[in-house]
PDB file of N, CA and C in Angstrom:
ATOM      1  N   MET A   1       0.642  -1.449  -0.221  1.00  0.00           N
ATOM      2  CA  MET A   1       0.224  -0.414   0.061  1.00  0.00           C
ATOM      3  C   MET A   1       0.843   1.292   0.004  1.00  0.00           C
ATOM      4  N   THR A   2       0.446   2.253  -0.994  1.00  0.00           N
ATOM      5  CA  THR A   2       1.390   3.726  -0.470  1.00  0.00           C
ATOM      6  C   THR A   2       0.384   4.760  -0.203  1.00  0.00           C
ATOM      7  N   ALA A   3       1.038   5.301   0.128  1.00  0.00           N
ATOM      8  CA  ALA A   3       1.068   6.430   0.709  1.00  0.00           C
ATOM      9  C   ALA A   3       0.121   7.314   0.222  1.00  0.00           C
ATOM     10  N   LYS A   4      -1.109   8.166   0.312  1.00  0.00           N
ATOM     11  CA  LYS A   4      -1.565   9.059  -0.802  1.00  0.00           C
ATOM     12  C   LYS A   4      -1.309  10.685   0.160  1.00  0.00           C
ATOM     13  N   ASN A   5      -1.961  11.418  -0.907  1.00  0.00           N
ATOM     14  CA  ASN A   5      -1.840  13.064  -0.261  1.00  0.00           C
ATOM     15  C   ASN A   5      -2.524  12.965   0.940  1.00  0.00           C
ATOM     16  N   ILE A   6      -2.330  14.013   1.876  1.00  0.00           N
ATOM     17  CA  ILE A   6      -3.428  14.197   2.591  1.00  0.00           C
ATOM     18  C   ILE A   6      -4.138  15.543   2.054  1.00  0.00           C
ATOM     19  N   LYS A   7      -5.126  15.552   2.510  1.00  0.00           N
ATOM     20  CA  LYS A   7      -6.145  16.770   2.114  1.00  0.00           C
ATOM     21  C   LYS A   7      -6.278  17.905   3.246  1.00  0.00           C
ATOM     22  N   ILE A   8      -5.880  18.590   1.925  1.00  0.00           N
ATOM     23  CA  ILE A   8      -5.503  20.113   3.139  1.00  0.00           C
ATOM     24  C   ILE A   8      -7.149  21.396   2.977  1.00  0.00           C
ATOM     25  N   HIS A   9      -7.441  21.628   4.392  1.00  0.00           N
ATOM     26  CA  HIS A   9      -9.098  22.250   3.979  1.00  0.00           C
ATOM     27  C   HIS A   9      -8.163  23.645   4.939  1.00  0.00           C
ATOM     28  N   ILE A  10      -8.809  25.216   4.371  1.00  0.00           N
ATOM     29  CA  ILE A  10      -8.336  26.079   4.370  1.00  0.00           C
ATOM     30  C   ILE A  10      -9.655  26.725   5.517  1.00  0.00           C
ATOM     31  N   PRO A  11     -10.025  26.559   6.988  1.00  0.00           N
ATOM     32  CA  PRO A  11     -11.167  26.994   6.848  1.00  0.00           C
ATOM     33  C   PRO A  11     -12.099  28.369   7.082  1.00  0.00           C
ATOM     34  N   TYR A  12     -12.511  28.445   7.118  1.00  0.00           N
ATOM     35  CA  TYR A  12     -13.492  29.765   7.279  1.00  0.00           C
ATOM     36  C   TYR A  12     -14.940  29.532   8.011  1.00  0.00           C
ATOM     37  N   GLY A  13     -14.432  29.990   9.274  1.00  0.00           N
ATOM     38  CA  GLY A  13     -16.178  29.245  10.314  1.00  0.00           C
ATOM     39  C   GLY A  13     -16.324  28.236  10.273  1.00  0.00           C
ATOM     40  N   ASP A  14     -16.940  27.501  10.359  1.00  0.00           N
ATOM     41  CA  ASP A  14     -17.645  26.466   9.951  1.00  0.00           C
ATOM     42  C   ASP A  14     -17.211  25.902   8.903  1.00  0.00           C
ATOM     43  N   LEU A  15     -17.241  26.916   7.665  1.00  0.00           N
ATOM     44  CA  LEU A  15     -17.303  26.217   6.194  1.00  0.00           C
ATOM     45  C   LEU A  15     -15.349  26.019   5.680  1.00  0.00           C
ATOM     46  N   SER A  16     -15.201  25.133   5.148  1.00  0.00           N
ATOM     47  CA  SER A  16     -14.521  25.459   3.999  1.00  0.00           C
ATOM     48  C   SER A  16     -13.731  26.044   3.194  1.00  0.00           C
ATOM     49  N   ALA A  17     -12.927  27.135   3.108  1.00  0.00           N
ATOM     50  CA  ALA A  17     -13.060  28.029   2.231  1.00  0.00           C
ATOM     51  C   ALA A  17     -12.406  27.721   1.362  1.00  0.00           C
ATOM     52  N   ILE A  18     -11.225  26.994   1.544  1.00  0.00           N
ATOM     53  CA  ILE A  18     -10.885  26.156  -0.461  1.00  0.00           C
ATOM     54  C   ILE A  18     -10.539  24.652   0.063  1.00  0.00           C
ATOM     55  N   GLY A  19     -10.360  23.589  -0.729  1.00  0.00           N
ATOM     56  CA  GLY A  19     -10.351  22.359  -0.023  1.00  0.00           C
ATOM     57  C   GLY A  19      -9.366  21.524  -1.440  1.00  0.00           C
ATOM     58  N   PRO A  20      -9.242  19.943  -1.314  1.00  0.00           N
ATOM     59  CA  PRO A  20      -9.122  19.740  -2.385  1.00  0.00           C
ATOM     60  C   PRO A  20      -9.826  19.579  -3.638  1.00  0.00           C
ATOM     61  N   GLY A  21     -11.115  19.278  -3.888  1.00  0.00           N
ATOM     62  CA  GLY A  21     -12.397  19.265  -4.776  1.00  0.00           C
ATOM     63  C   GLY A  21     -12.713  20.940  -5.313  1.00  0.00           C
ATOM     64  N   LYS A  22     -12.829  22.064  -4.187  1.00  0.00           N
ATOM     65  CA  LYS A  22     -13.076  23.716  -4.821  1.00  0.00           C
ATOM     66  C   LYS A  22     -11.498  23.782  -5.576  1.00  0.00           C
ATOM     67  N   ALA A  23     -10.765  23.260  -5.300  1.00  0.00           N
ATOM     68  CA  ALA A  23      -9.553  23.857  -5.988  1.00  0.00           C
ATOM     69  C   ALA A  23      -9.564  22.712  -7.290  1.00  0.00           C
ATOM     70  N   ASP A  24      -9.725  21.629  -7.415  1.00  0.00           N
ATOM     71  CA  ASP A  24     -10.123  21.218  -8.553  1.00  0.00           C
ATOM     72  C   ASP A  24     -11.337  21.591  -9.377  1.00  0.00           C
ATOM     73  N   LEU A  25     -11.966  22.238  -8.936  1.00  0.00           N
ATOM     74  CA  LEU A  25     -13.461  22.502  -9.925  1.00  0.00           C
ATOM     75  C   LEU A  25     -13.077  24.348  -9.820  1.00  0.00           C
ATOM     76  N   LEU A  26     -12.075  25.000  -9.217  1.00  0.00           N
ATOM     77  CA  LEU A  26     -11.498  26.240 -10.021  1.00  0.00           C
ATOM     78  C   LEU A  26     -10.724  25.635 -11.154  1.00  0.00           C
ATOM     79  N   GLU A  27      -9.806  24.686 -11.165  1.00  0.00           N
ATOM     80  CA  GLU A  27      -8.825  24.522 -12.496  1.00  0.00           C
ATOM     81  C   GLU A  27     -10.241  23.606 -13.753  1.00  0.00           C
ATOM     82  N   ALA A  28     -11.111  23.390 -13.155  1.00  0.00           N
ATOM     83  CA  ALA A  28     -12.113  22.930 -14.278  1.00  0.00           C
ATOM     84  C   ALA A  28     -12.702  24.035 -14.832  1.00  0.00           C
ATOM     85  N   ILE A  29     -13.295  25.061 -14.471  1.00  0.00           N
ATOM     86  CA  ILE A  29     -13.808  26.600 -14.582  1.00  0.00           C
ATOM     87  C   ILE A  29     -13.344  26.920 -15.906  1.00  0.00           C
ATOM     88  N   GLU A  30     -12.213  26.676 -15.087  1.00  0.00           N
ATOM     89  CA  GLU A  30     -10.803  27.469 -16.064  1.00  0.00           C
ATOM     90  C   GLU A  30     -10.839  26.794 -17.478  1.00  0.00           C
ATOM     91  N   ARG A  31     -10.852  25.729 -17.392  1.00  0.00           N
ATOM     92  CA  ARG A  31     -10.268  24.495 -18.815  1.00  0.00           C
ATOM     93  C   ARG A  31     -11.631  24.601 -19.535  1.00  0.00           C
ATOM     94  N   ASN A  32     -12.854  24.610 -18.522  1.00  0.00           N
ATOM     95  CA  ASN A  32     -14.312  24.726 -19.248  1.00  0.00           C
ATOM     96  C   ASN A  32     -15.077  26.224 -19.567  1.00  0.00           C
ATOM     97  N   GLY A  33     -14.286  27.384 -18.945  1.00  0.00           N
ATOM     98  CA  GLY A  33     -15.463  28.288 -19.329  1.00  0.00           C
ATOM     99  C   GLY A  33     -16.685  28.462 -18.934  1.00  0.00           C
ATOM    100  N   SER A  34     -17.030  27.692 -18.106  1.00  0.00           N
ATOM    101  CA  SER A  34     -18.151  27.685 -17.273  1.00  0.00           C
ATOM    102  C   SER A  34     -18.868  26.556 -15.945  1.00  0.00           C
ATOM    103  N   ILE A  35     -19.338  26.919 -15.339  1.00  0.00           N
ATOM    104  CA  ILE A  35     -19.681  26.206 -13.995  1.00  0.00           C
ATOM    105  C   ILE A  35     -20.274  24.942 -14.316  1.00  0.00           C
ATOM    106  N   SER A  36     -21.258  25.447 -15.555  1.00  0.00           N
ATOM    107  CA  SER A  36     -22.409  23.875 -15.679  1.00  0.00           C
ATOM    108  C   SER A  36     -20.862  23.270 -16.614  1.00  0.00           C
ATOM    109  N   GLY A  37     -20.089  23.135 -17.438  1.00  0.00           N
ATOM    110  CA  GLY A  37     -19.068  22.373 -18.120  1.00  0.00           C
ATOM    111  C   GLY A  37     -18.144  21.748 -16.728  1.00  0.00           C
ATOM    112  N   ALA A  38     -17.609  22.538 -15.868  1.00  0.00           N
ATOM    113  CA  ALA A  38     -16.933  22.138 -14.940  1.00  0.00           C
ATOM    114  C   ALA A  38     -17.738  20.867 -14.078  1.00  0.00           C
ATOM    115  N   ALA A  39     -19.179  21.479 -14.060  1.00  0.00           N
ATOM    116  CA  ALA A  39     -19.380  20.122 -13.141  1.00  0.00           C
ATOM    117  C   ALA A  39     -20.095  19.280 -13.875  1.00  0.00           C
ATOM    118  N   ARG A  40     -19.920  19.382 -14.896  1.00  0.00           N
ATOM    119  CA  ARG A  40     -20.416  17.612 -15.965  1.00  0.00           C
ATOM    120  C   ARG A  40     -19.329  17.684 -16.005  1.00  0.00           C
ATOM    121  N   ARG A  41     -17.213  17.571 -16.178  1.00  0.00           N
ATOM    122  CA  ARG A  41     -16.674  16.878 -16.147  1.00  0.00           C
ATOM    123  C   ARG A  41     -16.124  16.526 -15.140  1.00  0.00           C
ATOM    124  N   MET A  42     -16.690  16.776 -13.729  1.00  0.00           N
ATOM    125  CA  MET A  42     -16.054  16.517 -12.735  1.00  0.00           C
ATOM    126  C   MET A  42     -17.634  15.289 -12.117  1.00  0.00           C
ATOM    127  N   GLY A  43     -18.548  15.695 -12.644  1.00  0.00           N
ATOM    128  CA  GLY A  43     -19.216  14.701 -12.377  1.00  0.00           C
ATOM    129  C   GLY A  43     -20.429  14.620 -11.216  1.00  0.00           C
ATOM    130  N   MET A  44     -20.285  16.346 -11.258  1.00  0.00           N
ATOM    131  CA  MET A  44     -21.399  16.745  -9.929  1.00  0.00           C
ATOM    132  C   MET A  44     -22.622  17.634 -10.635  1.00  0.00           C
ATOM    133  N   SER A  45     -23.014  17.984 -10.025  1.00  0.00           N
ATOM    134  CA  SER A  45     -24.701  18.886 -10.125  1.00  0.00           C
ATOM    135  C   SER A  45     -24.260  20.097 -10.329  1.00  0.00           C
ATOM    136  N   TYR A  46     -24.828  20.636 -11.118  1.00  0.00           N
ATOM    137  CA  TYR A  46     -24.893  22.305 -11.442  1.00  0.00           C
ATOM    138  C   TYR A  46     -24.211  22.840 -10.037  1.00  0.00           C
ATOM    139  N   LYS A  47     -25.591  22.648  -9.166  1.00  0.00           N
ATOM    140  CA  LYS A  47     -26.154  22.597  -8.366  1.00  0.00           C
ATOM    141  C   LYS A  47     -25.022  23.158  -7.202  1.00  0.00           C
ATOM    142  N   ARG A  48     -24.573  21.859  -7.077  1.00  0.00           N
ATOM    143  CA  ARG A  48     -23.394  21.346  -5.862  1.00  0.00           C
ATOM    144  C   ARG A  48     -22.178  22.339  -6.759  1.00  0.00           C
ATOM    145  N   ALA A  49     -22.016  22.260  -7.730  1.00  0.00           N
ATOM    146  CA  ALA A  49     -21.034  23.322  -8.320  1.00  0.00           C
ATOM    147  C   ALA A  49     -21.170  24.825  -7.954  1.00  0.00           C
ATOM    148  N   TRP A  50     -22.761  25.407  -8.037  1.00  0.00           N
ATOM    149  CA  TRP A  50     -22.625  26.199  -7.996  1.00  0.00           C
ATOM    150  C   TRP A  50     -22.355  26.953  -6.138  1.00  0.00           C
ATOM    151  N   ASP A  51     -22.734  25.831  -5.762  1.00  0.00           N
ATOM    152  CA  ASP A  51     -22.763  25.846  -3.802  1.00  0.00           C
ATOM    153  C   ASP A  51     -21.380  26.554  -3.778  1.00  0.00           C
ATOM    154  N   LEU A  52     -20.311  25.307  -4.423  1.00  0.00           N
ATOM    155  CA  LEU A  52     -19.152  25.082  -4.041  1.00  0.00           C
ATOM    156  C   LEU A  52     -18.306  26.736  -4.363  1.00  0.00           C
ATOM    157  N   VAL A  53     -18.258  27.112  -5.825  1.00  0.00           N
ATOM    158  CA  VAL A  53     -18.692  28.860  -6.200  1.00  0.00           C
ATOM    159  C   VAL A  53     -18.983  29.504  -4.965  1.00  0.00           C
ATOM    160  N   ASN A  54     -19.982  30.042  -4.726  1.00  0.00           N
ATOM    161  CA  ASN A  54     -20.600  30.964  -3.951  1.00  0.00           C
ATOM    162  C   ASN A  54     -19.914  30.599  -2.441  1.00  0.00           C
ATOM    163  N   THR A  55     -19.694  29.082  -1.785  1.00  0.00           N
ATOM    164  CA  THR A  55     -18.678  29.242  -0.700  1.00  0.00           C
ATOM    165  C   THR A  55     -17.470  29.640  -0.739  1.00  0.00           C
ATOM    166  N   MET A  56     -16.522  29.757  -1.833  1.00  0.00           N
ATOM    167  CA  MET A  56     -15.116  30.001  -1.937  1.00  0.00           C
ATOM    168  C   MET A  56     -15.715  31.605  -2.175  1.00  0.00           C
ATOM    169  N   ASN A  57     -16.543  32.435  -3.459  1.00  0.00           N
ATOM    170  CA  ASN A  57     -16.650  33.731  -3.374  1.00  0.00           C
ATOM    171  C   ASN A  57     -17.408  34.655  -2.108  1.00  0.00           C
ATOM    172  N   LYS A  58     -17.854  34.054  -0.853  1.00  0.00           N
ATOM    173  CA  LYS A  58     -18.561  34.661   0.235  1.00  0.00           C
ATOM    174  C   LYS A  58     -17.230  33.951   1.160  1.00  0.00           C
ATOM    175  N   SER A  59     -16.150  33.802   1.198  1.00  0.00           N
ATOM    176  CA  SER A  59     -15.408  33.234   2.297  1.00  0.00           C
ATOM    177  C   SER A  59     -13.753  34.120   1.747  1.00  0.00           C
ATOM    178  N   PHE A  60     -13.571  34.484   0.891  1.00  0.00           N
ATOM    179  CA  PHE A  60     -12.421  35.371   0.668  1.00  0.00           C
ATOM    180  C   PHE A  60     -13.286  37.101   0.357  1.00  0.00           C
ATOM    181  N   ARG A  61     -12.157  37.884   0.355  1.00  0.00           N
ATOM    182  CA  ARG A  61     -12.358  39.077   0.036  1.00  0.00           C
ATOM    183  C   ARG A  61     -12.720  39.466  -0.778  1.00  0.00           C
ATOM    184  N   GLU A  62     -12.193  38.905  -2.294  1.00  0.00           N
ATOM    185  CA  GLU A  62     -12.879  38.810  -3.530  1.00  0.00           C
ATOM    186  C   GLU A  62     -13.374  37.645  -3.611  1.00  0.00           C
ATOM    187  N   PRO A  63     -13.935  37.950  -5.251  1.00  0.00           N
ATOM    188  CA  PRO A  63     -13.955  36.410  -5.650  1.00  0.00           C
ATOM    189  C   PRO A  63     -13.158  35.818  -6.236  1.00  0.00           C
ATOM    190  N   LEU A  64     -13.211  34.750  -6.228  1.00  0.00           N
ATOM    191  CA  LEU A  64     -12.527  33.550  -6.987  1.00  0.00           C
ATOM    192  C   LEU A  64     -13.100  33.342  -8.391  1.00  0.00           C
ATOM    193  N   VAL A  65     -14.183  33.017  -8.767  1.00  0.00           N
ATOM    194  CA  VAL A  65     -14.810  33.456  -9.563  1.00  0.00           C
ATOM    195  C   VAL A  65     -15.765  34.418 -10.158  1.00  0.00           C
ATOM    196  N   ALA A  66     -15.431  34.282 -11.555  1.00  0.00           N
ATOM    197  CA  ALA A  66     -16.384  35.733 -11.837  1.00  0.00           C
ATOM    198  C   ALA A  66     -17.955  34.976 -13.072  1.00  0.00           C
ATOM    199  N   THR A  67     -18.610  35.103 -12.451  1.00  0.00           N
ATOM    200  CA  THR A  67     -20.131  34.672 -13.682  1.00  0.00           C
ATOM    201  C   THR A  67     -20.165  35.444 -14.827  1.00  0.00           C
ATOM    202  N   ALA A  68     -20.698  35.022 -16.210  1.00  0.00           N
ATOM    203  CA  ALA A  68     -21.698  36.180 -16.477  1.00  0.00           C
ATOM    204  C   ALA A  68     -22.691  35.532 -16.697  1.00  0.00           C
ATOM    205  N   THR A  69     -23.843  36.569 -16.799  1.00  0.00           N
ATOM    206  CA  THR A  69     -25.045  35.991 -17.107  1.00  0.00           C
ATOM    207  C   THR A  69     -25.209  34.951 -19.029  1.00  0.00           C
ATOM    208  N   GLY A  70     -26.686  34.224 -19.285  1.00  0.00           N
ATOM    209  CA  GLY A  70     -26.541  33.189 -20.353  1.00  0.00           C
ATOM    210  C   GLY A  70     -27.001  34.827 -21.470  1.00  0.00           C
ATOM    211  N   GLY A  71     -27.341  34.701 -22.314  1.00  0.00           N
ATOM    212  CA  GLY A  71     -27.679  35.223 -23.588  1.00  0.00           C
ATOM    213  C   GLY A  71     -27.200  34.960 -24.581  1.00  0.00           C
ATOM    214  N   SER A  72     -27.162  35.470 -25.774  1.00  0.00           N
ATOM    215  CA  SER A  72     -26.795  34.746 -26.996  1.00  0.00           C
ATOM    216  C   SER A  72     -25.380  34.938 -27.077  1.00  0.00           C
ATOM    217  N   ASN A  73     -24.255  35.097 -26.211  1.00  0.00           N
ATOM    218  CA  ASN A  73     -23.066  34.693 -25.843  1.00  0.00           C
ATOM    219  C   ASN A  73     -22.875  34.222 -24.398  1.00  0.00           C
ATOM    220  N   GLY A  74     -24.115  32.867 -24.144  1.00  0.00           N
ATOM    221  CA  GLY A  74     -23.990  31.988 -23.562  1.00  0.00           C
ATOM    222  C   GLY A  74     -23.626  31.719 -22.160  1.00  0.00           C
ATOM    223  N   GLY A  75     -23.621  32.992 -21.557  1.00  0.00           N
ATOM    224  CA  GLY A  75     -23.027  33.274 -19.664  1.00  0.00           C
ATOM    225  C   GLY A  75     -21.476  32.595 -19.788  1.00  0.00           C
ATOM    226  N   GLY A  76     -21.068  31.977 -18.766  1.00  0.00           N
ATOM    227  CA  GLY A  76     -20.379  31.515 -18.611  1.00  0.00           C
ATOM    228  C   GLY A  76     -19.299  31.774 -17.237  1.00  0.00           C
ATOM    229  N   ALA A  77     -18.164  31.397 -16.343  1.00  0.00           N
ATOM    230  CA  ALA A  77     -17.326  31.671 -15.661  1.00  0.00           C
ATOM    231  C   ALA A  77     -16.057  31.655 -16.333  1.00  0.00           C
ATOM    232  N   GLN A  78     -14.929  32.463 -15.284  1.00  0.00           N
ATOM    233  CA  GLN A  78     -14.344  32.479 -15.485  1.00  0.00           C
ATOM    234  C   GLN A  78     -13.459  32.895 -14.221  1.00  0.00           C
ATOM    235  N   VAL A  79     -11.976  32.337 -13.745  1.00  0.00           N
ATOM    236  CA  VAL A  79     -11.000  32.377 -12.520  1.00  0.00           C
ATOM    237  C   VAL A  79     -10.940  33.619 -12.588  1.00  0.00           C
ATOM    238  N   THR A  80     -10.954  34.248 -11.383  1.00  0.00           N
ATOM    239  CA  THR A  80     -10.514  35.981 -11.675  1.00  0.00           C
ATOM    240  C   THR A  80      -8.702  35.393 -11.190  1.00  0.00           C
ATOM    241  N   GLU A  81      -8.367  36.538 -11.660  1.00  0.00           N
ATOM    242  CA  GLU A  81      -6.381  37.355 -10.768  1.00  0.00           C
ATOM    243  C   GLU A  81      -6.424  36.424  -9.802  1.00  0.00           C
ATOM    244  N   PHE A  82      -7.359  37.250  -8.371  1.00  0.00           N
ATOM    245  CA  PHE A  82      -7.436  36.777  -7.321  1.00  0.00           C
ATOM    246  C   PHE A  82      -7.528  35.466  -6.882  1.00  0.00           C
ATOM    247  N   GLY A  83      -8.354  34.815  -7.474  1.00  0.00           N
ATOM    248  CA  GLY A  83      -8.699  33.370  -7.871  1.00  0.00           C
ATOM    249  C   GLY A  83      -7.669  32.324  -8.077  1.00  0.00           C
ATOM    250  N   TYR A  84      -6.915  32.668  -8.837  1.00  0.00           N
ATOM    251  CA  TYR A  84      -5.479  32.195  -9.659  1.00  0.00           C
ATOM    252  C   TYR A  84      -4.600  32.428  -8.688  1.00  0.00           C
ATOM    253  N   ASP A  85      -4.745  33.719  -7.907  1.00  0.00           N
ATOM    254  CA  ASP A  85      -3.724  33.744  -6.511  1.00  0.00           C
ATOM    255  C   ASP A  85      -3.726  32.786  -5.716  1.00  0.00           C
ATOM    256  N   VAL A  86      -5.347  32.868  -5.169  1.00  0.00           N
ATOM    257  CA  VAL A  86      -5.405  31.498  -4.040  1.00  0.00           C
ATOM    258  C   VAL A  86      -4.724  30.274  -4.375  1.00  0.00           C
ATOM    259  N   LEU A  87      -5.222  30.049  -6.070  1.00  0.00           N
ATOM    260  CA  LEU A  87      -5.552  28.500  -5.834  1.00  0.00           C
ATOM    261  C   LEU A  87      -3.672  28.222  -5.910  1.00  0.00           C
ATOM    262  N   ARG A  88      -2.790  29.584  -7.032  1.00  0.00           N
ATOM    263  CA  ARG A  88      -1.452  28.975  -6.948  1.00  0.00           C
ATOM    264  C   ARG A  88      -1.018  28.549  -5.049  1.00  0.00           C
ATOM    265  N   ARG A  89      -1.176  29.512  -4.065  1.00  0.00           N
ATOM    266  CA  ARG A  89      -1.020  29.786  -3.097  1.00  0.00           C
ATOM    267  C   ARG A  89      -1.495  28.072  -2.073  1.00  0.00           C
ATOM    268  N   TYR A  90      -2.739  28.085  -2.482  1.00  0.00           N
ATOM    269  CA  TYR A  90      -3.554  26.420  -1.941  1.00  0.00           C
ATOM    270  C   TYR A  90      -2.538  25.032  -2.687  1.00  0.00           C
ATOM    271  N   ARG A  91      -2.198  25.452  -3.941  1.00  0.00           N
ATOM    272  CA  ARG A  91      -1.648  24.394  -4.156  1.00  0.00           C
ATOM    273  C   ARG A  91       0.009  24.211  -3.738  1.00  0.00           C
ATOM    274  N   GLU A  92       0.429  25.279  -3.190  1.00  0.00           N
ATOM    275  CA  GLU A  92       1.861  24.971  -2.733  1.00  0.00           C
ATOM    276  C   GLU A  92       1.892  25.156  -1.435  1.00  0.00           C
ATOM    277  N   ILE A  93       0.995  25.267  -0.766  1.00  0.00           N
ATOM    278  CA  ILE A  93       0.351  24.379   0.150  1.00  0.00           C
ATOM    279  C   ILE A  93       0.687  23.230   0.471  1.00  0.00           C
ATOM    280  N   GLU A  94      -0.084  22.635  -0.313  1.00  0.00           N
ATOM    281  CA  GLU A  94      -0.339  21.239  -0.579  1.00  0.00           C
ATOM    282  C   GLU A  94       0.707  20.374  -0.564  1.00  0.00           C
ATOM    283  N   THR A  95       1.628  21.134  -1.752  1.00  0.00           N
ATOM    284  CA  THR A  95       3.031  20.548  -2.087  1.00  0.00           C
ATOM    285  C   THR A  95       3.610  20.473  -0.834  1.00  0.00           C
ATOM    286  N   LYS A  96       3.681  21.284   0.106  1.00  0.00           N
ATOM    287  CA  LYS A  96       4.732  21.622   1.003  1.00  0.00           C
ATOM    288  C   LYS A  96       4.182  20.932   2.170  1.00  0.00           C
ATOM    289  N   ALA A  97       3.306  20.488   2.522  1.00  0.00           N
ATOM    290  CA  ALA A  97       2.481  19.994   3.327  1.00  0.00           C
ATOM    291  C   ALA A  97       2.883  18.506   3.435  1.00  0.00           C
ATOM    292  N   ASN A  98       2.493  17.976   1.701  1.00  0.00           N
ATOM    293  CA  ASN A  98       3.251  16.425   1.494  1.00  0.00           C
ATOM    294  C   ASN A  98       4.616  16.118   1.478  1.00  0.00           C
ATOM    295  N   ILE A  99       5.108  17.380   1.304  1.00  0.00           N
ATOM    296  CA  ILE A  99       6.459  16.760   1.165  1.00  0.00           C
ATOM    297  C   ILE A  99       7.301  16.766   2.970  1.00  0.00           C
ATOM    298  N   ALA A 100       6.696  17.393   3.478  1.00  0.00           N
ATOM    299  CA  ALA A 100       6.390  17.706   5.329  1.00  0.00           C
ATOM    300  C   ALA A 100       6.665  16.543   5.353  1.00  0.00           C
ATOM    301  N   VAL A 101       5.214  15.558   5.385  1.00  0.00           N
ATOM    302  CA  VAL A 101       4.856  14.541   5.853  1.00  0.00           C
ATOM    303  C   VAL A 101       4.650  12.920   4.969  1.00  0.00           C
ATOM    304  N   ALA A 102       5.761  12.941   3.913  1.00  0.00           N
ATOM    305  CA  ALA A 102       6.216  12.223   3.713  1.00  0.00           C
ATOM    306  C   ALA A 102       5.940  10.842   4.281  1.00  0.00           C
ATOM    307  N   ALA A 103       7.373  11.144   4.424  1.00  0.00           N
ATOM    308  CA  ALA A 103       7.571   9.411   5.649  1.00  0.00           C
ATOM    309  C   ALA A 103       7.115   8.996   6.584  1.00  0.00           C
ATOM    310  N   GLU A 104       6.490  10.645   7.566  1.00  0.00           N
ATOM    311  CA  GLU A 104       5.617   9.787   8.387  1.00  0.00           C
ATOM    312  C   GLU A 104       4.170   9.079   8.061  1.00  0.00           C
ATOM    313  N   LEU A 105       4.187   9.717   6.978  1.00  0.00           N
ATOM    314  CA  LEU A 105       2.394   9.122   6.196  1.00  0.00           C
ATOM    315  C   LEU A 105       2.558   7.594   5.829  1.00  0.00           C
ATOM    316  N   ALA A 106       3.856   7.764   5.435  1.00  0.00           N
ATOM    317  CA  ALA A 106       4.033   6.229   4.688  1.00  0.00           C
ATOM    318  C   ALA A 106       4.081   5.203   5.616  1.00  0.00           C
ATOM    319  N   GLU A 107       5.489   5.481   6.970  1.00  0.00           N
ATOM    320  CA  GLU A 107       5.123   4.687   8.454  1.00  0.00           C
ATOM    321  C   GLU A 107       3.352   4.222   8.570  1.00  0.00           C
ATOM    322  N   LEU A 108       2.494   5.127   8.863  1.00  0.00           N
ATOM    323  CA  LEU A 108       1.167   5.555   9.148  1.00  0.00           C
ATOM    324  C   LEU A 108       0.595   4.746   8.271  1.00  0.00           C
ATOM    325  N   ILE A 109       0.553   4.444   7.051  1.00  0.00           N
ATOM    326  CA  ILE A 109       0.054   3.392   6.391  1.00  0.00           C
ATOM    327  C   ILE A 109       0.178   2.041   6.683  1.00  0.00           C
ATOM    328  N   THR A 110       1.951   1.744   6.766  1.00  0.00           N
ATOM    329  CA  THR A 110       1.944   0.254   7.074  1.00  0.00           C
ATOM    330  C   THR A 110       1.288   0.008   8.414  1.00  0.00           C
ATOM    331  N   LEU A 111       0.753   0.879   8.775  1.00  0.00           N
ATOM    332  CA  LEU A 111      -0.709   0.398  10.086  1.00  0.00           C
ATOM    333  C   LEU A 111      -1.742   0.092   9.785  1.00  0.00           C
ATOM    334  N   LEU A 112      -2.216   0.097   8.817  1.00  0.00           N
ATOM    335  CA  LEU A 112      -3.381  -0.269   7.709  1.00  0.00           C
ATOM    336  C   LEU A 112      -3.782  -1.580   7.728  1.00  0.00           C
ATOM    337  N   PHE A 113      -5.023  -2.056   7.523  1.00  0.00           N
ATOM    338  CA  PHE A 113      -4.950  -3.436   7.186  1.00  0.00           C
ATOM    339  C   PHE A 113      -4.785  -3.200   5.444  1.00  0.00           C
ATOM    340  N   PRO A 114      -4.213  -4.232   4.934  1.00  0.00           N
ATOM    341  CA  PRO A 114      -4.022  -4.739   3.817  1.00  0.00           C
ATOM    342  C   PRO A 114      -5.513  -4.348   3.356  1.00  0.00           C
ATOM    343  N   ASN A 115      -4.779  -3.627   2.145  1.00  0.00           N
ATOM    344  CA  ASN A 115      -6.447  -3.419   1.316  1.00  0.00           C
ATOM    345  C   ASN A 115      -6.603  -5.122   0.622  1.00  0.00           C
ATOM    346  N   SER A 116      -8.390  -5.226   1.255  1.00  0.00           N
ATOM    347  CA  SER A 116      -9.051  -6.429   1.250  1.00  0.00           C
ATOM    348  C   SER A 116     -10.341  -6.329   1.423  1.00  0.00           C
ATOM    349  N   GLY A 117     -10.568  -5.157   1.903  1.00  0.00           N
ATOM    350  CA  GLY A 117     -12.006  -5.018   1.324  1.00  0.00           C
ATOM    351  C   GLY A 117     -12.427  -4.469   3.075  1.00  0.00           C
ATOM    352  N   HIS A 118     -11.755  -3.979   4.121  1.00  0.00           N
ATOM    353  CA  HIS A 118     -11.757  -3.675   5.474  1.00  0.00           C
ATOM    354  C   HIS A 118     -12.646  -2.390   4.892  1.00  0.00           C
TER     355      HIS A 118
END
């Protein structure tokens, strides 16, 4: 059994302002140009994706995602410059944390049951 990455969540009150799923959603929004496209790509409902975006936008000083309503251009969404900065910082924290705990995590993993359906 190999060690997995630890999951970092940045708290904001009782919420997670950003975590691995929200970071992945930001990247998917950037690739797809819309929340609905990102949601489809990630296998989640539009409502769930919108709720996650809304939580992120309300948690930080500035929005991480800017949206445009539908119409002739079809609307869409994009990650803001502030959102890119938050995402970059979050990914750096993830990388540094995983490097820092890699040996201890690998040792802890050896104490788990073998992957036999437990």
